PDB file of all heavy atoms in Angstrom:
ATOM      1  N   MET A   1      13.662   0.967  -7.660  1.00  0.00           N
ATOM      2  CA  MET A   1      12.695   0.315  -6.782  1.00  0.00           C
ATOM      3  C   MET A   1      11.981   1.315  -5.870  1.00  0.00           C
ATOM      4  O   MET A   1      10.841   1.083  -5.453  1.00  0.00           O
ATOM      5  CB  MET A   1      13.406  -0.751  -5.946  1.00  0.00           C
ATOM      6  CG  MET A   1      12.511  -1.529  -5.001  1.00  0.00           C
ATOM      7  SD  MET A   1      11.208  -2.440  -5.865  1.00  0.00           S
ATOM      8  CE  MET A   1      10.377  -3.185  -4.461  1.00  0.00           C
ATOM      9  N   ALA A   2      12.621   2.447  -5.570  1.00  0.00           N
ATOM     10  CA  ALA A   2      12.019   3.393  -4.622  1.00  0.00           C
ATOM     11  C   ALA A   2      10.692   3.960  -5.119  1.00  0.00           C
ATOM     12  O   ALA A   2       9.664   3.808  -4.446  1.00  0.00           O
ATOM     13  CB  ALA A   2      13.017   4.506  -4.285  1.00  0.00           C
ATOM     14  N   PRO A   3      10.638   4.633  -6.284  1.00  0.00           N
ATOM     15  CA  PRO A   3       9.335   5.133  -6.718  1.00  0.00           C
ATOM     16  C   PRO A   3       8.351   4.021  -7.044  1.00  0.00           C
ATOM     17  O   PRO A   3       7.135   4.197  -6.857  1.00  0.00           O
ATOM     18  CB  PRO A   3       9.665   5.980  -7.948  1.00  0.00           C
ATOM     19  CG  PRO A   3      10.966   5.452  -8.440  1.00  0.00           C
ATOM     20  CD  PRO A   3      11.707   5.029  -7.209  1.00  0.00           C
ATOM     21  N   ALA A   4       8.858   2.866  -7.513  1.00  0.00           N
ATOM     22  CA  ALA A   4       7.959   1.731  -7.757  1.00  0.00           C
ATOM     23  C   ALA A   4       7.277   1.311  -6.462  1.00  0.00           C
ATOM     24  O   ALA A   4       6.075   0.991  -6.448  1.00  0.00           O
ATOM     25  CB  ALA A   4       8.740   0.561  -8.359  1.00  0.00           C
ATOM     26  N   THR A   5       8.015   1.344  -5.355  1.00  0.00           N
ATOM     27  CA  THR A   5       7.424   1.045  -4.051  1.00  0.00           C
ATOM     28  C   THR A   5       6.339   2.056  -3.696  1.00  0.00           C
ATOM     29  O   THR A   5       5.266   1.702  -3.187  1.00  0.00           O
ATOM     30  CB  THR A   5       8.506   1.045  -2.958  1.00  0.00           C
ATOM     31  OG1 THR A   5       9.462   0.025  -3.245  1.00  0.00           O
ATOM     32  CG2 THR A   5       7.910   0.805  -1.575  1.00  0.00           C
ATOM     33  N   GLY A   6       6.612   3.334  -3.963  1.00  0.00           N
ATOM     34  CA  GLY A   6       5.623   4.366  -3.684  1.00  0.00           C
ATOM     35  C   GLY A   6       4.339   4.162  -4.469  1.00  0.00           C
ATOM     36  O   GLY A   6       3.236   4.298  -3.924  1.00  0.00           O
ATOM     37  N   LEU A   7       4.478   3.828  -5.758  1.00  0.00           N
ATOM     38  CA  LEU A   7       3.292   3.628  -6.587  1.00  0.00           C
ATOM     39  C   LEU A   7       2.510   2.398  -6.146  1.00  0.00           C
ATOM     40  O   LEU A   7       1.272   2.421  -6.072  1.00  0.00           O
ATOM     41  CB  LEU A   7       3.697   3.506  -8.046  1.00  0.00           C
ATOM     42  CG  LEU A   7       2.538   3.409  -9.040  1.00  0.00           C
ATOM     43  CD1 LEU A   7       1.674   4.660  -8.986  1.00  0.00           C
ATOM     44  CD2 LEU A   7       3.059   3.180 -10.457  1.00  0.00           C
ATOM     45  N   LEU A   8       3.200   1.313  -5.834  1.00  0.00           N
ATOM     46  CA  LEU A   8       2.526   0.114  -5.341  1.00  0.00           C
ATOM     47  C   LEU A   8       1.828   0.397  -4.005  1.00  0.00           C
ATOM     48  O   LEU A   8       0.733  -0.105  -3.746  1.00  0.00           O
ATOM     49  CB  LEU A   8       3.529  -1.025  -5.198  1.00  0.00           C
ATOM     50  CG  LEU A   8       3.944  -1.675  -6.521  1.00  0.00           C
ATOM     51  CD1 LEU A   8       5.272  -2.420  -6.376  1.00  0.00           C
ATOM     52  CD2 LEU A   8       2.869  -2.623  -7.037  1.00  0.00           C
ATOM     53  N   THR A   9       2.454   1.215  -3.170  1.00  0.00           N
ATOM     54  CA  THR A   9       1.815   1.625  -1.916  1.00  0.00           C
ATOM     55  C   THR A   9       0.516   2.368  -2.191  1.00  0.00           C
ATOM     56  O   THR A   9      -0.512   2.135  -1.526  1.00  0.00           O
ATOM     57  CB  THR A   9       2.764   2.513  -1.096  1.00  0.00           C
ATOM     58  OG1 THR A   9       3.938   1.761  -0.747  1.00  0.00           O
ATOM     59  CG2 THR A   9       2.086   3.015   0.183  1.00  0.00           C
ATOM     60  N   ALA A  10       0.540   3.257  -3.186  1.00  0.00           N
ATOM     61  CA  ALA A  10      -0.670   4.004  -3.532  1.00  0.00           C
ATOM     62  C   ALA A  10      -1.784   3.070  -3.999  1.00  0.00           C
ATOM     63  O   ALA A  10      -2.957   3.245  -3.633  1.00  0.00           O
ATOM     64  CB  ALA A  10      -0.352   5.029  -4.621  1.00  0.00           C
ATOM     65  N   GLU A  11      -1.431   2.054  -4.796  1.00  0.00           N
ATOM     66  CA  GLU A  11      -2.437   1.106  -5.273  1.00  0.00           C
ATOM     67  C   GLU A  11      -2.981   0.259  -4.121  1.00  0.00           C
ATOM     68  O   GLU A  11      -4.191   0.025  -4.021  1.00  0.00           O
ATOM     69  CB  GLU A  11      -1.842   0.217  -6.360  1.00  0.00           C
ATOM     70  CG  GLU A  11      -1.644   0.907  -7.694  1.00  0.00           C
ATOM     71  CD  GLU A  11      -2.956   1.225  -8.387  1.00  0.00           C
ATOM     72  OE1 GLU A  11      -3.920   0.443  -8.267  1.00  0.00           O
ATOM     73  OE2 GLU A  11      -3.033   2.279  -9.053  1.00  0.00           O
ATOM     74  N   LEU A  12      -2.111  -0.199  -3.245  1.00  0.00           N
ATOM     75  CA  LEU A  12      -2.550  -0.994  -2.103  1.00  0.00           C
ATOM     76  C   LEU A  12      -3.420  -0.176  -1.157  1.00  0.00           C
ATOM     77  O   LEU A  12      -4.440  -0.649  -0.659  1.00  0.00           O
ATOM     78  CB  LEU A  12      -1.329  -1.543  -1.350  1.00  0.00           C
ATOM     79  CG  LEU A  12      -0.520  -2.623  -2.066  1.00  0.00           C
ATOM     80  CD1 LEU A  12       0.844  -2.786  -1.405  1.00  0.00           C
ATOM     81  CD2 LEU A  12      -1.266  -3.945  -2.087  1.00  0.00           C
ATOM     82  N   LYS A  13      -3.007   1.053  -0.915  1.00  0.00           N
ATOM     83  CA  LYS A  13      -3.745   1.923   0.007  1.00  0.00           C
ATOM     84  C   LYS A  13      -5.130   2.284  -0.539  1.00  0.00           C
ATOM     85  O   LYS A  13      -6.098   2.392   0.208  1.00  0.00           O
ATOM     86  CB  LYS A  13      -2.935   3.189   0.270  1.00  0.00           C
ATOM     87  CG  LYS A  13      -3.438   4.060   1.392  1.00  0.00           C
ATOM     88  CD  LYS A  13      -2.432   5.180   1.688  1.00  0.00           C
ATOM     89  CE  LYS A  13      -2.866   5.980   2.914  1.00  0.00           C
ATOM     90  NZ  LYS A  13      -4.077   6.771   2.666  1.00  0.00           N
ATOM     91  N   GLY A  14      -5.210   2.450  -1.861  1.00  0.00           N
ATOM     92  CA  GLY A  14      -6.464   2.877  -2.458  1.00  0.00           C
ATOM     93  C   GLY A  14      -7.423   1.766  -2.803  1.00  0.00           C
ATOM     94  O   GLY A  14      -8.573   2.032  -3.173  1.00  0.00           O
ATOM     95  N   TYR A  15      -6.987   0.506  -2.655  1.00  0.00           N
ATOM     96  CA  TYR A  15      -7.836  -0.614  -3.046  1.00  0.00           C
ATOM     97  C   TYR A  15      -8.846  -0.948  -1.944  1.00  0.00           C
ATOM     98  O   TYR A  15      -8.466  -1.377  -0.852  1.00  0.00           O
ATOM     99  CB  TYR A  15      -6.983  -1.847  -3.366  1.00  0.00           C
ATOM    100  CG  TYR A  15      -7.799  -3.044  -3.798  1.00  0.00           C
ATOM    101  CD1 TYR A  15      -8.240  -3.161  -5.101  1.00  0.00           C
ATOM    102  CD2 TYR A  15      -8.132  -4.036  -2.886  1.00  0.00           C
ATOM    103  CE1 TYR A  15      -9.008  -4.245  -5.502  1.00  0.00           C
ATOM    104  CE2 TYR A  15      -8.894  -5.126  -3.269  1.00  0.00           C
ATOM    105  CZ  TYR A  15      -9.336  -5.229  -4.579  1.00  0.00           C
ATOM    106  OH  TYR A  15     -10.099  -6.307  -4.970  1.00  0.00           O
ATOM    107  N   ALA A  16     -10.120  -0.762  -2.219  1.00  0.00           N
ATOM    108  CA  ALA A  16     -11.229  -1.136  -1.318  1.00  0.00           C
ATOM    109  C   ALA A  16     -10.907  -0.872   0.144  1.00  0.00           C
ATOM    110  O   ALA A  16     -10.926  -1.781   0.981  1.00  0.00           O
ATOM    111  CB  ALA A  16     -11.566  -2.616  -1.514  1.00  0.00           C
ATOM    112  N   PRO A  17     -10.586   0.383   0.496  1.00  0.00           N
ATOM    113  CA  PRO A  17     -10.219   0.672   1.894  1.00  0.00           C
ATOM    114  C   PRO A  17     -11.366   0.409   2.861  1.00  0.00           C
ATOM    115  O   PRO A  17     -12.539   0.574   2.514  1.00  0.00           O
ATOM    116  CB  PRO A  17      -9.864   2.167   1.851  1.00  0.00           C
ATOM    117  CG  PRO A  17     -10.623   2.700   0.680  1.00  0.00           C
ATOM    118  CD  PRO A  17     -10.645   1.594  -0.330  1.00  0.00           C
ATOM    119  N   GLN A  18     -10.997  -0.044   4.060  1.00  0.00           N
ATOM    120  CA  GLN A  18     -11.982  -0.305   5.105  1.00  0.00           C
ATOM    121  C   GLN A  18     -11.779   0.660   6.257  1.00  0.00           C
ATOM    122  O   GLN A  18     -10.647   0.852   6.718  1.00  0.00           O
ATOM    123  CB  GLN A  18     -11.841  -1.735   5.644  1.00  0.00           C
ATOM    124  CG  GLN A  18     -12.279  -2.822   4.694  1.00  0.00           C
ATOM    125  CD  GLN A  18     -12.500  -4.123   5.455  1.00  0.00           C
ATOM    126  OE1 GLN A  18     -13.426  -4.268   6.234  1.00  0.00           O
ATOM    127  NE2 GLN A  18     -11.637  -5.089   5.222  1.00  0.00           N
ATOM    128  N   ALA A  19     -12.852   1.261   6.722  1.00  0.00           N
ATOM    129  CA  ALA A  19     -12.770   2.148   7.883  1.00  0.00           C
ATOM    130  C   ALA A  19     -12.271   1.365   9.091  1.00  0.00           C
ATOM    131  O   ALA A  19     -12.627   0.197   9.290  1.00  0.00           O
ATOM    132  CB  ALA A  19     -14.138   2.764   8.174  1.00  0.00           C
ATOM    133  N   GLY A  20     -11.436   2.011   9.896  1.00  0.00           N
ATOM    134  CA  GLY A  20     -10.950   1.374  11.113  1.00  0.00           C
ATOM    135  C   GLY A  20      -9.800   0.424  10.912  1.00  0.00           C
ATOM    136  O   GLY A  20      -9.459  -0.342  11.819  1.00  0.00           O
ATOM    137  N   THR A  21      -9.174   0.435   9.720  1.00  0.00           N
ATOM    138  CA  THR A  21      -7.972  -0.367   9.476  1.00  0.00           C
ATOM    139  C   THR A  21      -6.939   0.511   8.765  1.00  0.00           C
ATOM    140  O   THR A  21      -7.273   1.544   8.187  1.00  0.00           O
ATOM    141  CB  THR A  21      -8.250  -1.603   8.600  1.00  0.00           C
ATOM    142  OG1 THR A  21      -8.585  -1.187   7.261  1.00  0.00           O
ATOM    143  CG2 THR A  21      -9.364  -2.448   9.176  1.00  0.00           C
ATOM    144  N   ARG A  22      -5.686   0.076   8.821  1.00  0.00           N
ATOM    145  CA  ARG A  22      -4.640   0.748   8.062  1.00  0.00           C
ATOM    146  C   ARG A  22      -3.553  -0.252   7.704  1.00  0.00           C
ATOM    147  O   ARG A  22      -3.452  -1.353   8.282  1.00  0.00           O
ATOM    148  CB  ARG A  22      -4.034   1.910   8.843  1.00  0.00           C
ATOM    149  CG  ARG A  22      -3.144   1.493  10.019  1.00  0.00           C
ATOM    150  CD  ARG A  22      -2.253   2.649  10.449  1.00  0.00           C
ATOM    151  NE  ARG A  22      -1.449   2.350  11.628  1.00  0.00           N
ATOM    152  CZ  ARG A  22      -0.239   1.781  11.593  1.00  0.00           C
ATOM    153  NH1 ARG A  22       0.289   1.419  10.436  1.00  0.00           N
ATOM    154  NH2 ARG A  22       0.422   1.556  12.726  1.00  0.00           N
ATOM    155  N   ILE A  23      -2.721   0.119   6.732  1.00  0.00           N
ATOM    156  CA  ILE A  23      -1.588  -0.721   6.354  1.00  0.00           C
ATOM    157  C   ILE A  23      -0.534  -0.676   7.460  1.00  0.00           C
ATOM    158  O   ILE A  23      -0.105   0.398   7.885  1.00  0.00           O
ATOM    159  CB  ILE A  23      -0.975  -0.261   5.023  1.00  0.00           C
ATOM    160  CG1 ILE A  23      -1.961  -0.509   3.872  1.00  0.00           C
ATOM    161  CG2 ILE A  23       0.348  -0.978   4.758  1.00  0.00           C
ATOM    162  CD1 ILE A  23      -1.479   0.004   2.527  1.00  0.00           C
ATOM    163  N   ALA A  24      -0.124  -1.845   7.945  1.00  0.00           N
ATOM    164  CA  ALA A  24       0.902  -1.950   8.980  1.00  0.00           C
ATOM    165  C   ALA A  24       2.207  -2.521   8.438  1.00  0.00           C
ATOM    166  O   ALA A  24       3.277  -2.265   9.004  1.00  0.00           O
ATOM    167  CB  ALA A  24       0.402  -2.817  10.129  1.00  0.00           C
ATOM    168  N   ARG A  25       2.113  -3.298   7.374  1.00  0.00           N
ATOM    169  CA  ARG A  25       3.318  -3.877   6.780  1.00  0.00           C
ATOM    170  C   ARG A  25       3.139  -3.991   5.286  1.00  0.00           C
ATOM    171  O   ARG A  25       2.073  -4.368   4.801  1.00  0.00           O
ATOM    172  CB  ARG A  25       3.599  -5.270   7.340  1.00  0.00           C
ATOM    173  CG  ARG A  25       4.958  -5.841   6.896  1.00  0.00           C
ATOM    174  CD  ARG A  25       4.897  -7.326   6.577  1.00  0.00           C
ATOM    175  NE  ARG A  25       4.124  -7.599   5.369  1.00  0.00           N
ATOM    176  CZ  ARG A  25       3.936  -8.814   4.866  1.00  0.00           C
ATOM    177  NH1 ARG A  25       4.431  -9.870   5.488  1.00  0.00           N
ATOM    178  NH2 ARG A  25       3.221  -8.988   3.765  1.00  0.00           N
ATOM    179  N   ILE A  26       4.207  -3.653   4.546  1.00  0.00           N
ATOM    180  CA  ILE A  26       4.259  -3.908   3.113  1.00  0.00           C
ATOM    181  C   ILE A  26       5.501  -4.737   2.832  1.00  0.00           C
ATOM    182  O   ILE A  26       6.610  -4.392   3.252  1.00  0.00           O
ATOM    183  CB  ILE A  26       4.289  -2.604   2.291  1.00  0.00           C
ATOM    184  CG1 ILE A  26       3.013  -1.796   2.526  1.00  0.00           C
ATOM    185  CG2 ILE A  26       4.456  -2.906   0.808  1.00  0.00           C
ATOM    186  CD1 ILE A  26       2.949  -0.498   1.748  1.00  0.00           C
ATOM    187  N   SER A  27       5.305  -5.843   2.152  1.00  0.00           N
ATOM    188  CA  SER A  27       6.394  -6.754   1.789  1.00  0.00           C
ATOM    189  C   SER A  27       6.481  -6.805   0.270  1.00  0.00           C
ATOM    190  O   SER A  27       5.494  -7.124  -0.401  1.00  0.00           O
ATOM    191  CB  SER A  27       6.120  -8.148   2.349  1.00  0.00           C
ATOM    192  OG  SER A  27       7.064  -9.079   1.864  1.00  0.00           O
ATOM    193  N   LEU A  28       7.654  -6.471  -0.270  1.00  0.00           N
ATOM    194  CA  LEU A  28       7.833  -6.431  -1.719  1.00  0.00           C
ATOM    195  C   LEU A  28       8.951  -7.378  -2.138  1.00  0.00           C
ATOM    196  O   LEU A  28      10.065  -7.314  -1.594  1.00  0.00           O
ATOM    197  CB  LEU A  28       8.159  -5.015  -2.194  1.00  0.00           C
ATOM    198  CG  LEU A  28       7.158  -3.926  -1.776  1.00  0.00           C
ATOM    199  CD1 LEU A  28       7.737  -3.094  -0.631  1.00  0.00           C
ATOM    200  CD2 LEU A  28       6.803  -3.019  -2.945  1.00  0.00           C
ATOM    201  N   ASP A  29       8.662  -8.250  -3.076  1.00  0.00           N
ATOM    202  CA  ASP A  29       9.658  -9.146  -3.652  1.00  0.00           C
ATOM    203  C   ASP A  29       9.931  -8.719  -5.088  1.00  0.00           C
ATOM    204  O   ASP A  29       9.004  -8.578  -5.896  1.00  0.00           O
ATOM    205  CB  ASP A  29       9.172 -10.591  -3.611  1.00  0.00           C
ATOM    206  CG  ASP A  29       9.150 -11.147  -2.202  1.00  0.00           C
ATOM    207  OD1 ASP A  29      10.203 -11.096  -1.536  1.00  0.00           O
ATOM    208  OD2 ASP A  29       8.088 -11.619  -1.751  1.00  0.00           O
TER     209      ASP A  29
END
């Protein structure tokens, strides 16, 4: 689950980023 979390983080972070915002919480089921 650890590297899978990293890869999902990369996809979430890179998806249509908006200036002036950042990821504050990631919830994985």
